[in-house]
Amino acid sequence: MKHRLTLILEKQPEGGFTITCEQLPELITECDTLDDAIVNAIDAFCSVAELYEQENRVLPTLLQFPLLTQ
């Protein structure tokens, strides 16, 4: 089952990028280059999923069921 998350990349004045996700507010990470963005975002997602599991929390509904697209 595949789901899509919208990642927000914000360029930082000192260099690099901050990556966040509106659907999963706990997902926050940084990277130096755009090439590193996906790797860091996947790592951050895995950490957030592990946190939810440890705290016996369920992922947002958006991530539990297939999305209907128009």
PDB file of N, CA and C in Angstrom:
ATOM      1  N   MET A   1       0.844  -1.160   0.000  1.00  0.00           N
ATOM      2  CA  MET A   1       0.000   0.000   0.000  1.00  0.00           C
ATOM      3  C   MET A   1       0.903   1.241   0.000  1.00  0.00           C
ATOM      4  N   LYS A   2       0.651   2.157  -0.909  1.00  0.00           N
ATOM      5  CA  LYS A   2       1.459   3.367  -1.010  1.00  0.00           C
ATOM      6  C   LYS A   2       0.646   4.573  -0.584  1.00  0.00           C
ATOM      7  N   HIS A   3       1.316   5.486   0.074  1.00  0.00           N
ATOM      8  CA  HIS A   3       0.727   6.757   0.465  1.00  0.00           C
ATOM      9  C   HIS A   3       1.706   7.851   0.094  1.00  0.00           C
ATOM     10  N   ARG A   4       1.190   9.018  -0.118  1.00  0.00           N
ATOM     11  CA  ARG A   4       2.048  10.149  -0.454  1.00  0.00           C
ATOM     12  C   ARG A   4       2.001  11.171   0.663  1.00  0.00           C
ATOM     13  N   LEU A   5       3.163  11.631   1.017  1.00  0.00           N
ATOM     14  CA  LEU A   5       3.285  12.718   1.979  1.00  0.00           C
ATOM     15  C   LEU A   5       3.836  13.930   1.236  1.00  0.00           C
ATOM     16  N   THR A   6       3.336  15.079   1.578  1.00  0.00           N
ATOM     17  CA  THR A   6       3.862  16.306   0.998  1.00  0.00           C
ATOM     18  C   THR A   6       4.986  16.807   1.890  1.00  0.00           C
ATOM     19  N   LEU A   7       6.179  16.864   1.333  1.00  0.00           N
ATOM     20  CA  LEU A   7       7.325  17.374   2.076  1.00  0.00           C
ATOM     21  C   LEU A   7       7.533  18.835   1.716  1.00  0.00           C
ATOM     22  N   ILE A   8       7.839  19.630   2.710  1.00  0.00           N
ATOM     23  CA  ILE A   8       8.109  21.049   2.509  1.00  0.00           C
ATOM     24  C   ILE A   8       9.589  21.272   2.745  1.00  0.00           C
ATOM     25  N   LEU A   9      10.285  21.719   1.714  1.00  0.00           N
ATOM     26  CA  LEU A   9      11.706  22.017   1.822  1.00  0.00           C
ATOM     27  C   LEU A   9      11.869  23.532   1.898  1.00  0.00           C
ATOM     28  N   GLU A  10      12.484  23.988   2.971  1.00  0.00           N
ATOM     29  CA  GLU A  10      12.733  25.411   3.141  1.00  0.00           C
ATOM     30  C   GLU A  10      14.236  25.645   3.120  1.00  0.00           C
ATOM     31  N   LYS A  11      14.665  26.470   2.178  1.00  0.00           N
ATOM     32  CA  LYS A  11      16.078  26.801   2.092  1.00  0.00           C
ATOM     33  C   LYS A  11      16.436  27.690   3.274  1.00  0.00           C
ATOM     34  N   GLN A  12      17.542  27.368   3.936  1.00  0.00           N
ATOM     35  CA  GLN A  12      17.968  28.117   5.103  1.00  0.00           C
ATOM     36  C   GLN A  12      19.024  29.152   4.718  1.00  0.00           C
ATOM     37  N   PRO A  13      18.981  30.334   5.326  1.00  0.00           N
ATOM     38  CA  PRO A  13      19.929  31.392   4.974  1.00  0.00           C
ATOM     39  C   PRO A  13      21.387  30.990   5.186  1.00  0.00           C
ATOM     40  N   GLU A  14      21.642  30.156   6.178  1.00  0.00           N
ATOM     41  CA  GLU A  14      23.012  29.725   6.464  1.00  0.00           C
ATOM     42  C   GLU A  14      23.449  28.555   5.589  1.00  0.00           C
ATOM     43  N   GLY A  15      22.533  28.069   4.754  1.00  0.00           N
ATOM     44  CA  GLY A  15      22.821  26.949   3.869  1.00  0.00           C
ATOM     45  C   GLY A  15      22.011  25.725   4.250  1.00  0.00           C
ATOM     46  N   GLY A  16      21.806  24.874   3.311  1.00  0.00           N
ATOM     47  CA  GLY A  16      21.049  23.654   3.549  1.00  0.00           C
ATOM     48  C   GLY A  16      19.548  23.891   3.528  1.00  0.00           C
ATOM     49  N   PHE A  17      18.818  22.862   3.929  1.00  0.00           N
ATOM     50  CA  PHE A  17      17.365  22.882   3.876  1.00  0.00           C
ATOM     51  C   PHE A  17      16.780  22.272   5.140  1.00  0.00           C
ATOM     52  N   THR A  18      15.601  22.749   5.518  1.00  0.00           N
ATOM     53  CA  THR A  18      14.802  22.122   6.565  1.00  0.00           C
ATOM     54  C   THR A  18      13.639  21.429   5.866  1.00  0.00           C
ATOM     55  N   ILE A  19      13.344  20.202   6.291  1.00  0.00           N
ATOM     56  CA  ILE A  19      12.271  19.412   5.685  1.00  0.00           C
ATOM     57  C   ILE A  19      11.207  19.168   6.746  1.00  0.00           C
ATOM     58  N   THR A  20       9.958  19.512   6.420  1.00  0.00           N
ATOM     59  CA  THR A  20       8.838  19.250   7.315  1.00  0.00           C
ATOM     60  C   THR A  20       7.709  18.616   6.518  1.00  0.00           C
ATOM     61  N   CYS A  21       6.664  18.199   7.230  1.00  0.00           N
ATOM     62  CA  CYS A  21       5.527  17.538   6.598  1.00  0.00           C
ATOM     63  C   CYS A  21       4.256  17.922   7.356  1.00  0.00           C
ATOM     64  N   GLU A  22       3.296  18.545   6.660  1.00  0.00           N
ATOM     65  CA  GLU A  22       2.056  18.964   7.322  1.00  0.00           C
ATOM     66  C   GLU A  22       1.249  17.774   7.840  1.00  0.00           C
ATOM     67  N   GLN A  23       1.252  16.659   7.110  1.00  0.00           N
ATOM     68  CA  GLN A  23       0.460  15.501   7.521  1.00  0.00           C
ATOM     69  C   GLN A  23       1.055  14.799   8.747  1.00  0.00           C
ATOM     70  N   LEU A  24       2.327  15.012   8.991  1.00  0.00           N
ATOM     71  CA  LEU A  24       3.029  14.356  10.093  1.00  0.00           C
ATOM     72  C   LEU A  24       3.918  15.405  10.771  1.00  0.00           C
ATOM     73  N   PRO A  25       3.346  16.212  11.660  1.00  0.00           N
ATOM     74  CA  PRO A  25       4.070  17.341  12.228  1.00  0.00           C
ATOM     75  C   PRO A  25       5.367  16.971  12.957  1.00  0.00           C
ATOM     76  N   GLU A  26       5.483  15.748  13.413  1.00  0.00           N
ATOM     77  CA  GLU A  26       6.704  15.322  14.100  1.00  0.00           C
ATOM     78  C   GLU A  26       7.873  15.112  13.138  1.00  0.00           C
ATOM     79  N   LEU A  27       7.594  15.056  11.855  1.00  0.00           N
ATOM     80  CA  LEU A  27       8.642  14.831  10.870  1.00  0.00           C
ATOM     81  C   LEU A  27       9.341  16.159  10.574  1.00  0.00           C
ATOM     82  N   ILE A  28      10.515  16.308  11.139  1.00  0.00           N
ATOM     83  CA  ILE A  28      11.342  17.496  10.924  1.00  0.00           C
ATOM     84  C   ILE A  28      12.780  17.015  10.789  1.00  0.00           C
ATOM     85  N   THR A  29      13.442  17.423   9.723  1.00  0.00           N
ATOM     86  CA  THR A  29      14.829  17.040   9.528  1.00  0.00           C
ATOM     87  C   THR A  29      15.519  18.114   8.699  1.00  0.00           C
ATOM     88  N   GLU A  30      16.810  17.969   8.553  1.00  0.00           N
ATOM     89  CA  GLU A  30      17.593  18.922   7.780  1.00  0.00           C
ATOM     90  C   GLU A  30      18.493  18.164   6.819  1.00  0.00           C
ATOM     91  N   CYS A  31      18.941  18.867   5.789  1.00  0.00           N
ATOM     92  CA  CYS A  31      19.906  18.288   4.861  1.00  0.00           C
ATOM     93  C   CYS A  31      20.752  19.412   4.283  1.00  0.00           C
ATOM     94  N   ASP A  32      21.932  19.033   3.820  1.00  0.00           N
ATOM     95  CA  ASP A  32      22.831  20.018   3.222  1.00  0.00           C
ATOM     96  C   ASP A  32      22.531  20.256   1.751  1.00  0.00           C
ATOM     97  N   THR A  33      22.112  19.193   1.050  1.00  0.00           N
ATOM     98  CA  THR A  33      21.862  19.300  -0.383  1.00  0.00           C
ATOM     99  C   THR A  33      20.517  18.672  -0.725  1.00  0.00           C
ATOM    100  N   LEU A  34      19.990  19.012  -1.883  1.00  0.00           N
ATOM    101  CA  LEU A  34      18.734  18.406  -2.333  1.00  0.00           C
ATOM    102  C   LEU A  34      18.897  16.911  -2.547  1.00  0.00           C
ATOM    103  N   ASP A  35      20.098  16.479  -2.911  1.00  0.00           N
ATOM    104  CA  ASP A  35      20.337  15.047  -3.100  1.00  0.00           C
ATOM    105  C   ASP A  35      20.126  14.271  -1.803  1.00  0.00           C
ATOM    106  N   ASP A  36      20.366  14.904  -0.669  1.00  0.00           N
ATOM    107  CA  ASP A  36      20.204  14.251   0.633  1.00  0.00           C
ATOM    108  C   ASP A  36      18.770  14.312   1.146  1.00  0.00           C
ATOM    109  N   ALA A  37      17.909  15.113   0.537  1.00  0.00           N
ATOM    110  CA  ALA A  37      16.574  15.370   1.076  1.00  0.00           C
ATOM    111  C   ALA A  37      15.737  14.106   1.231  1.00  0.00           C
ATOM    112  N   ILE A  38      15.654  13.288   0.200  1.00  0.00           N
ATOM    113  CA  ILE A  38      14.802  12.093   0.264  1.00  0.00           C
ATOM    114  C   ILE A  38      15.324  11.104   1.300  1.00  0.00           C
ATOM    115  N   VAL A  39      16.638  10.894   1.308  1.00  0.00           N
ATOM    116  CA  VAL A  39      17.230   9.962   2.280  1.00  0.00           C
ATOM    117  C   VAL A  39      16.928  10.422   3.697  1.00  0.00           C
ATOM    118  N   ASN A  40      17.121  11.708   3.967  1.00  0.00           N
ATOM    119  CA  ASN A  40      16.870  12.230   5.311  1.00  0.00           C
ATOM    120  C   ASN A  40      15.387  12.184   5.659  1.00  0.00           C
ATOM    121  N   ALA A  41      14.515  12.460   4.679  1.00  0.00           N
ATOM    122  CA  ALA A  41      13.075  12.412   4.925  1.00  0.00           C
ATOM    123  C   ALA A  41      12.617  10.987   5.234  1.00  0.00           C
ATOM    124  N   ILE A  42      13.147  10.014   4.525  1.00  0.00           N
ATOM    125  CA  ILE A  42      12.799   8.611   4.802  1.00  0.00           C
ATOM    126  C   ILE A  42      13.264   8.216   6.195  1.00  0.00           C
ATOM    127  N   ASP A  43      14.477   8.599   6.548  1.00  0.00           N
ATOM    128  CA  ASP A  43      15.001   8.309   7.878  1.00  0.00           C
ATOM    129  C   ASP A  43      14.128   8.961   8.954  1.00  0.00           C
ATOM    130  N   ALA A  44      13.741  10.212   8.730  1.00  0.00           N
ATOM    131  CA  ALA A  44      12.893  10.919   9.695  1.00  0.00           C
ATOM    132  C   ALA A  44      11.529  10.244   9.809  1.00  0.00           C
ATOM    133  N   PHE A  45      10.959   9.809   8.673  1.00  0.00           N
ATOM    134  CA  PHE A  45       9.666   9.125   8.705  1.00  0.00           C
ATOM    135  C   PHE A  45       9.758   7.837   9.522  1.00  0.00           C
ATOM    136  N   CYS A  46      10.818   7.072   9.315  1.00  0.00           N
ATOM    137  CA  CYS A  46      10.996   5.825  10.067  1.00  0.00           C
ATOM    138  C   CYS A  46      11.086   6.108  11.561  1.00  0.00           C
ATOM    139  N   SER A  47      11.775   7.176  11.928  1.00  0.00           N
ATOM    140  CA  SER A  47      11.888   7.550  13.340  1.00  0.00           C
ATOM    141  C   SER A  47      10.530   7.947  13.917  1.00  0.00           C
ATOM    142  N   VAL A  48       9.749   8.692  13.142  1.00  0.00           N
ATOM    143  CA  VAL A  48       8.427   9.103  13.598  1.00  0.00           C
ATOM    144  C   VAL A  48       7.511   7.879  13.738  1.00  0.00           C
ATOM    145  N   ALA A  49       7.552   6.978  12.773  1.00  0.00           N
ATOM    146  CA  ALA A  49       6.730   5.761  12.847  1.00  0.00           C
ATOM    147  C   ALA A  49       7.106   4.937  14.073  1.00  0.00           C
ATOM    148  N   GLU A  50       8.394   4.847  14.369  1.00  0.00           N
ATOM    149  CA  GLU A  50       8.857   4.125  15.557  1.00  0.00           C
ATOM    150  C   GLU A  50       8.363   4.811  16.831  1.00  0.00           C
ATOM    151  N   LEU A  51       8.397   6.133  16.857  1.00  0.00           N
ATOM    152  CA  LEU A  51       7.899   6.892  18.009  1.00  0.00           C
ATOM    153  C   LEU A  51       6.421   6.604  18.235  1.00  0.00           C
ATOM    154  N   TYR A  52       5.627   6.635  17.154  1.00  0.00           N
ATOM    155  CA  TYR A  52       4.201   6.350  17.271  1.00  0.00           C
ATOM    156  C   TYR A  52       3.994   4.948  17.846  1.00  0.00           C
ATOM    157  N   GLU A  53       4.769   3.994  17.376  1.00  0.00           N
ATOM    158  CA  GLU A  53       4.635   2.614  17.867  1.00  0.00           C
ATOM    159  C   GLU A  53       4.993   2.523  19.349  1.00  0.00           C
ATOM    160  N   GLN A  54       6.084   3.150  19.745  1.00  0.00           N
ATOM    161  CA  GLN A  54       6.513   3.114  21.151  1.00  0.00           C
ATOM    162  C   GLN A  54       5.479   3.749  22.076  1.00  0.00           C
ATOM    163  N   GLU A  55       4.818   4.784  21.593  1.00  0.00           N
ATOM    164  CA  GLU A  55       3.839   5.494  22.404  1.00  0.00           C
ATOM    165  C   GLU A  55       2.419   4.963  22.206  1.00  0.00           C
ATOM    166  N   ASN A  56       2.290   3.836  21.510  1.00  0.00           N
ATOM    167  CA  ASN A  56       0.985   3.216  21.226  1.00  0.00           C
ATOM    168  C   ASN A  56       0.012   4.209  20.592  1.00  0.00           C
ATOM    169  N   ARG A  57       0.532   5.035  19.688  1.00  0.00           N
ATOM    170  CA  ARG A  57      -0.293   5.987  18.957  1.00  0.00           C
ATOM    171  C   ARG A  57      -0.512   5.448  17.554  1.00  0.00           C
ATOM    172  N   VAL A  58      -1.644   5.804  16.963  1.00  0.00           N
ATOM    173  CA  VAL A  58      -1.901   5.403  15.579  1.00  0.00           C
ATOM    174  C   VAL A  58      -1.485   6.540  14.656  1.00  0.00           C
ATOM    175  N   LEU A  59      -0.978   6.172  13.489  1.00  0.00           N
ATOM    176  CA  LEU A  59      -0.620   7.177  12.500  1.00  0.00           C
ATOM    177  C   LEU A  59      -1.884   7.907  12.053  1.00  0.00           C
ATOM    178  N   PRO A  60      -1.754   9.131  11.584  1.00  0.00           N
ATOM    179  CA  PRO A  60      -2.934   9.851  11.105  1.00  0.00           C
ATOM    180  C   PRO A  60      -3.720   9.016  10.099  1.00  0.00           C
ATOM    181  N   THR A  61      -5.015   9.181  10.106  1.00  0.00           N
ATOM    182  CA  THR A  61      -5.906   8.421   9.234  1.00  0.00           C
ATOM    183  C   THR A  61      -5.445   8.472   7.790  1.00  0.00           C
ATOM    184  N   LEU A  62      -4.930   9.606   7.372  1.00  0.00           N
ATOM    185  CA  LEU A  62      -4.458   9.776   6.005  1.00  0.00           C
ATOM    186  C   LEU A  62      -3.427   8.716   5.629  1.00  0.00           C
ATOM    187  N   LEU A  63      -2.657   8.240   6.586  1.00  0.00           N
ATOM    188  CA  LEU A  63      -1.614   7.257   6.315  1.00  0.00           C
ATOM    189  C   LEU A  63      -2.081   5.828   6.538  1.00  0.00           C
ATOM    190  N   GLN A  64      -3.286   5.631   6.980  1.00  0.00           N
ATOM    191  CA  GLN A  64      -3.773   4.292   7.289  1.00  0.00           C
ATOM    192  C   GLN A  64      -4.556   3.654   6.148  1.00  0.00           C
ATOM    193  N   PHE A  65      -5.143   4.460   5.298  1.00  0.00           N
ATOM    194  CA  PHE A  65      -6.017   3.934   4.262  1.00  0.00           C
ATOM    195  C   PHE A  65      -5.587   4.473   2.902  1.00  0.00           C
ATOM    196  N   PRO A  66      -5.869   3.735   1.826  1.00  0.00           N
ATOM    197  CA  PRO A  66      -5.521   4.241   0.496  1.00  0.00           C
ATOM    198  C   PRO A  66      -6.209   5.583   0.234  1.00  0.00           C
ATOM    199  N   LEU A  67      -5.499   6.462  -0.424  1.00  0.00           N
ATOM    200  CA  LEU A  67      -6.055   7.766  -0.762  1.00  0.00           C
ATOM    201  C   LEU A  67      -6.830   7.668  -2.070  1.00  0.00           C
ATOM    202  N   LEU A  68      -7.919   8.364  -2.139  1.00  0.00           N
ATOM    203  CA  LEU A  68      -8.691   8.449  -3.383  1.00  0.00           C
ATOM    204  C   LEU A  68      -8.240   9.699  -4.101  1.00  0.00           C
ATOM    205  N   THR A  69      -7.852   9.559  -5.357  1.00  0.00           N
ATOM    206  CA  THR A  69      -7.441  10.729  -6.113  1.00  0.00           C
ATOM    207  C   THR A  69      -8.418  10.967  -7.235  1.00  0.00           C
ATOM    208  N   GLN A  70      -8.525  12.205  -7.619  1.00  0.00           N
ATOM    209  CA  GLN A  70      -9.458  12.547  -8.693  1.00  0.00           C
ATOM    210  C   GLN A  70      -8.738  12.574 -10.011  1.00  0.00           C
TER     211      GLN A  70
END
